[in-house]
Amino acid sequence: MDVVFKNVKKKDLPFLRSLAEKMGFEIAQNDDKPYNPEFVKEILEASEEVRNGGGKRIEMKDLDKFLGL
């Protein structure tokens, strides 16, 4: 059986690790981030730009032309 702890604070990790070792559990730590941080930064910047009046509005009828289809 696998048990997964989510949102564990870094300060609590040593305690959980030592407790698991004393109980004979195997510990596997997964630090994978679901998204590339650079990609997230670009998306957040674009969202902020749109909020500040930037961006380009395109009518549905002009979408094919805009996309080059």
N, C-alpha and C. Protein backbone atom coordinates (compact mmCIF):
# COMPACT_ATOMS: atom_id res chain seq x y z
N MET A 1 0.85 -1.18 0.00
CA MET A 1 0.00 0.00 0.00
C MET A 1 0.89 1.24 0.00
N ASP A 2 0.50 2.23 -0.81
CA ASP A 2 1.22 3.49 -0.87
C ASP A 2 0.44 4.55 -0.09
N VAL A 3 1.17 5.38 0.62
CA VAL A 3 0.58 6.51 1.32
C VAL A 3 1.28 7.76 0.80
N VAL A 4 0.51 8.76 0.45
CA VAL A 4 1.06 9.99 -0.10
C VAL A 4 0.70 11.15 0.83
N PHE A 5 1.70 11.90 1.22
CA PHE A 5 1.49 13.12 1.99
C PHE A 5 1.65 14.29 1.03
N LYS A 6 0.67 15.18 1.01
CA LYS A 6 0.75 16.35 0.14
C LYS A 6 0.83 17.60 1.00
N ASN A 7 1.49 18.59 0.44
CA ASN A 7 1.63 19.90 1.09
C ASN A 7 2.31 19.81 2.45
N VAL A 8 3.35 19.00 2.54
CA VAL A 8 4.11 18.86 3.78
C VAL A 8 5.08 20.04 3.89
N LYS A 9 5.09 20.68 5.02
CA LYS A 9 6.02 21.79 5.23
C LYS A 9 7.43 21.23 5.38
N LYS A 10 8.40 21.99 4.86
CA LYS A 10 9.80 21.54 4.91
C LYS A 10 10.25 21.28 6.34
N LYS A 11 9.74 22.07 7.27
CA LYS A 11 10.17 21.89 8.66
C LYS A 11 9.68 20.57 9.24
N ASP A 12 8.58 20.03 8.70
CA ASP A 12 8.02 18.78 9.21
C ASP A 12 8.59 17.54 8.53
N LEU A 13 9.26 17.72 7.41
CA LEU A 13 9.77 16.58 6.66
C LEU A 13 10.78 15.74 7.44
N PRO A 14 11.75 16.33 8.15
CA PRO A 14 12.69 15.49 8.91
C PRO A 14 11.99 14.60 9.95
N PHE A 15 10.98 15.14 10.61
CA PHE A 15 10.24 14.35 11.60
C PHE A 15 9.54 13.17 10.93
N LEU A 16 8.85 13.44 9.83
CA LEU A 16 8.15 12.37 9.12
C LEU A 16 9.13 11.33 8.59
N ARG A 17 10.27 11.79 8.10
CA ARG A 17 11.29 10.87 7.58
C ARG A 17 11.82 9.96 8.69
N SER A 18 12.13 10.53 9.86
CA SER A 18 12.66 9.71 10.95
C SER A 18 11.60 8.75 11.48
N LEU A 19 10.37 9.20 11.56
CA LEU A 19 9.28 8.33 12.01
C LEU A 19 9.10 7.15 11.05
N ALA A 20 9.12 7.43 9.75
CA ALA A 20 8.96 6.37 8.76
C ALA A 20 10.12 5.38 8.83
N GLU A 21 11.34 5.88 8.99
CA GLU A 21 12.51 4.99 9.08
C GLU A 21 12.41 4.09 10.31
N LYS A 22 11.98 4.64 11.45
CA LYS A 22 11.85 3.83 12.67
C LYS A 22 10.79 2.76 12.53
N MET A 23 9.78 3.03 11.69
CA MET A 23 8.72 2.05 11.49
C MET A 23 9.03 1.11 10.33
N GLY A 24 10.19 1.30 9.68
CA GLY A 24 10.60 0.41 8.60
C GLY A 24 9.95 0.70 7.26
N PHE A 25 9.46 1.93 7.09
CA PHE A 25 8.82 2.29 5.82
C PHE A 25 9.87 2.78 4.83
N GLU A 26 9.59 2.58 3.57
CA GLU A 26 10.44 3.12 2.50
C GLU A 26 9.91 4.51 2.17
N ILE A 27 10.82 5.46 1.94
CA ILE A 27 10.42 6.82 1.64
C ILE A 27 10.85 7.15 0.21
N ALA A 28 9.91 7.62 -0.57
CA ALA A 28 10.19 8.10 -1.92
C ALA A 28 9.68 9.53 -2.00
N GLN A 29 10.58 10.43 -2.34
CA GLN A 29 10.21 11.84 -2.39
C GLN A 29 10.13 12.25 -3.86
N ASN A 30 9.02 12.87 -4.23
CA ASN A 30 8.81 13.31 -5.60
C ASN A 30 8.73 14.83 -5.61
N ASP A 31 9.76 15.47 -6.14
CA ASP A 31 9.81 16.93 -6.18
C ASP A 31 9.48 17.47 -7.56
N ASP A 32 8.89 16.64 -8.42
CA ASP A 32 8.57 17.09 -9.76
C ASP A 32 7.56 18.22 -9.70
N LYS A 33 7.83 19.23 -10.49
CA LYS A 33 6.90 20.34 -10.61
C LYS A 33 6.03 20.05 -11.83
N PRO A 34 4.73 20.26 -11.74
CA PRO A 34 3.86 19.91 -12.85
C PRO A 34 4.07 20.79 -14.08
N TYR A 35 4.57 22.01 -13.92
CA TYR A 35 4.75 22.93 -15.04
C TYR A 35 6.15 23.51 -15.02
N ASN A 36 6.64 23.81 -16.19
CA ASN A 36 7.92 24.48 -16.32
C ASN A 36 7.78 25.89 -15.75
N PRO A 37 8.62 26.29 -14.80
CA PRO A 37 8.48 27.61 -14.16
C PRO A 37 8.56 28.76 -15.17
N GLU A 38 9.36 28.62 -16.21
CA GLU A 38 9.46 29.67 -17.23
C GLU A 38 8.14 29.82 -17.98
N PHE A 39 7.49 28.69 -18.27
CA PHE A 39 6.19 28.71 -18.94
C PHE A 39 5.15 29.40 -18.06
N VAL A 40 5.13 29.07 -16.78
CA VAL A 40 4.19 29.68 -15.85
C VAL A 40 4.41 31.19 -15.79
N LYS A 41 5.68 31.60 -15.76
CA LYS A 41 6.01 33.03 -15.72
C LYS A 41 5.46 33.74 -16.96
N GLU A 42 5.64 33.13 -18.15
CA GLU A 42 5.14 33.74 -19.39
C GLU A 42 3.62 33.88 -19.36
N ILE A 43 2.94 32.85 -18.89
CA ILE A 43 1.48 32.90 -18.84
C ILE A 43 1.00 33.98 -17.87
N LEU A 44 1.62 34.07 -16.72
CA LEU A 44 1.22 35.10 -15.74
C LEU A 44 1.49 36.51 -16.26
N GLU A 45 2.62 36.68 -16.96
CA GLU A 45 2.93 37.99 -17.53
C GLU A 45 1.92 38.36 -18.61
N ALA A 46 1.56 37.41 -19.46
CA ALA A 46 0.57 37.66 -20.52
C ALA A 46 -0.79 38.00 -19.92
N SER A 47 -1.17 37.30 -18.86
CA SER A 47 -2.44 37.57 -18.20
C SER A 47 -2.46 38.99 -17.63
N GLU A 48 -1.37 39.39 -17.03
CA GLU A 48 -1.25 40.74 -16.47
C GLU A 48 -1.33 41.78 -17.58
N GLU A 49 -0.68 41.50 -18.71
CA GLU A 49 -0.71 42.42 -19.85
C GLU A 49 -2.14 42.62 -20.36
N VAL A 50 -2.90 41.54 -20.44
CA VAL A 50 -4.29 41.63 -20.89
C VAL A 50 -5.11 42.44 -19.89
N ARG A 51 -4.90 42.21 -18.60
CA ARG A 51 -5.61 42.97 -17.57
C ARG A 51 -5.34 44.47 -17.67
N ASN A 52 -4.13 44.81 -18.14
CA ASN A 52 -3.73 46.21 -18.25
C ASN A 52 -4.08 46.81 -19.61
N GLY A 53 -4.94 46.13 -20.37
CA GLY A 53 -5.41 46.69 -21.63
C GLY A 53 -4.62 46.24 -22.85
N GLY A 54 -3.63 45.40 -22.66
CA GLY A 54 -2.85 44.90 -23.79
C GLY A 54 -3.58 43.77 -24.49
N GLY A 55 -2.91 43.17 -25.43
CA GLY A 55 -3.50 42.04 -26.14
C GLY A 55 -4.21 42.51 -27.40
N LYS A 56 -4.80 41.57 -28.09
CA LYS A 56 -5.47 41.86 -29.35
C LYS A 56 -6.80 41.14 -29.37
N ARG A 57 -7.88 41.87 -29.71
CA ARG A 57 -9.21 41.27 -29.79
C ARG A 57 -9.45 40.88 -31.23
N ILE A 58 -9.92 39.64 -31.42
CA ILE A 58 -10.17 39.11 -32.76
C ILE A 58 -11.59 38.58 -32.80
N GLU A 59 -12.32 39.00 -33.82
CA GLU A 59 -13.68 38.51 -34.02
C GLU A 59 -13.63 37.07 -34.50
N MET A 60 -14.65 36.28 -34.15
CA MET A 60 -14.71 34.87 -34.56
C MET A 60 -14.64 34.73 -36.09
N LYS A 61 -15.27 35.64 -36.81
CA LYS A 61 -15.28 35.54 -38.27
C LYS A 61 -13.89 35.75 -38.86
N ASP A 62 -12.99 36.41 -38.13
CA ASP A 62 -11.64 36.68 -38.62
C ASP A 62 -10.60 35.71 -38.07
N LEU A 63 -11.03 34.73 -37.28
CA LEU A 63 -10.11 33.81 -36.62
C LEU A 63 -9.32 32.97 -37.61
N ASP A 64 -9.96 32.45 -38.64
CA ASP A 64 -9.26 31.63 -39.64
C ASP A 64 -8.15 32.44 -40.31
N LYS A 65 -8.46 33.68 -40.67
CA LYS A 65 -7.46 34.53 -41.32
C LYS A 65 -6.30 34.80 -40.36
N PHE A 66 -6.62 35.08 -39.11
CA PHE A 66 -5.59 35.37 -38.10
C PHE A 66 -4.66 34.17 -37.90
N LEU A 67 -5.25 32.97 -37.90
CA LEU A 67 -4.46 31.75 -37.69
C LEU A 67 -3.78 31.27 -38.96
N GLY A 68 -4.08 31.90 -40.08
CA GLY A 68 -3.47 31.51 -41.35
C GLY A 68 -4.06 30.23 -41.91
N LEU A 69 -5.31 29.97 -41.62
CA LEU A 69 -5.96 28.75 -42.11
C LEU A 69 -6.75 29.01 -43.37
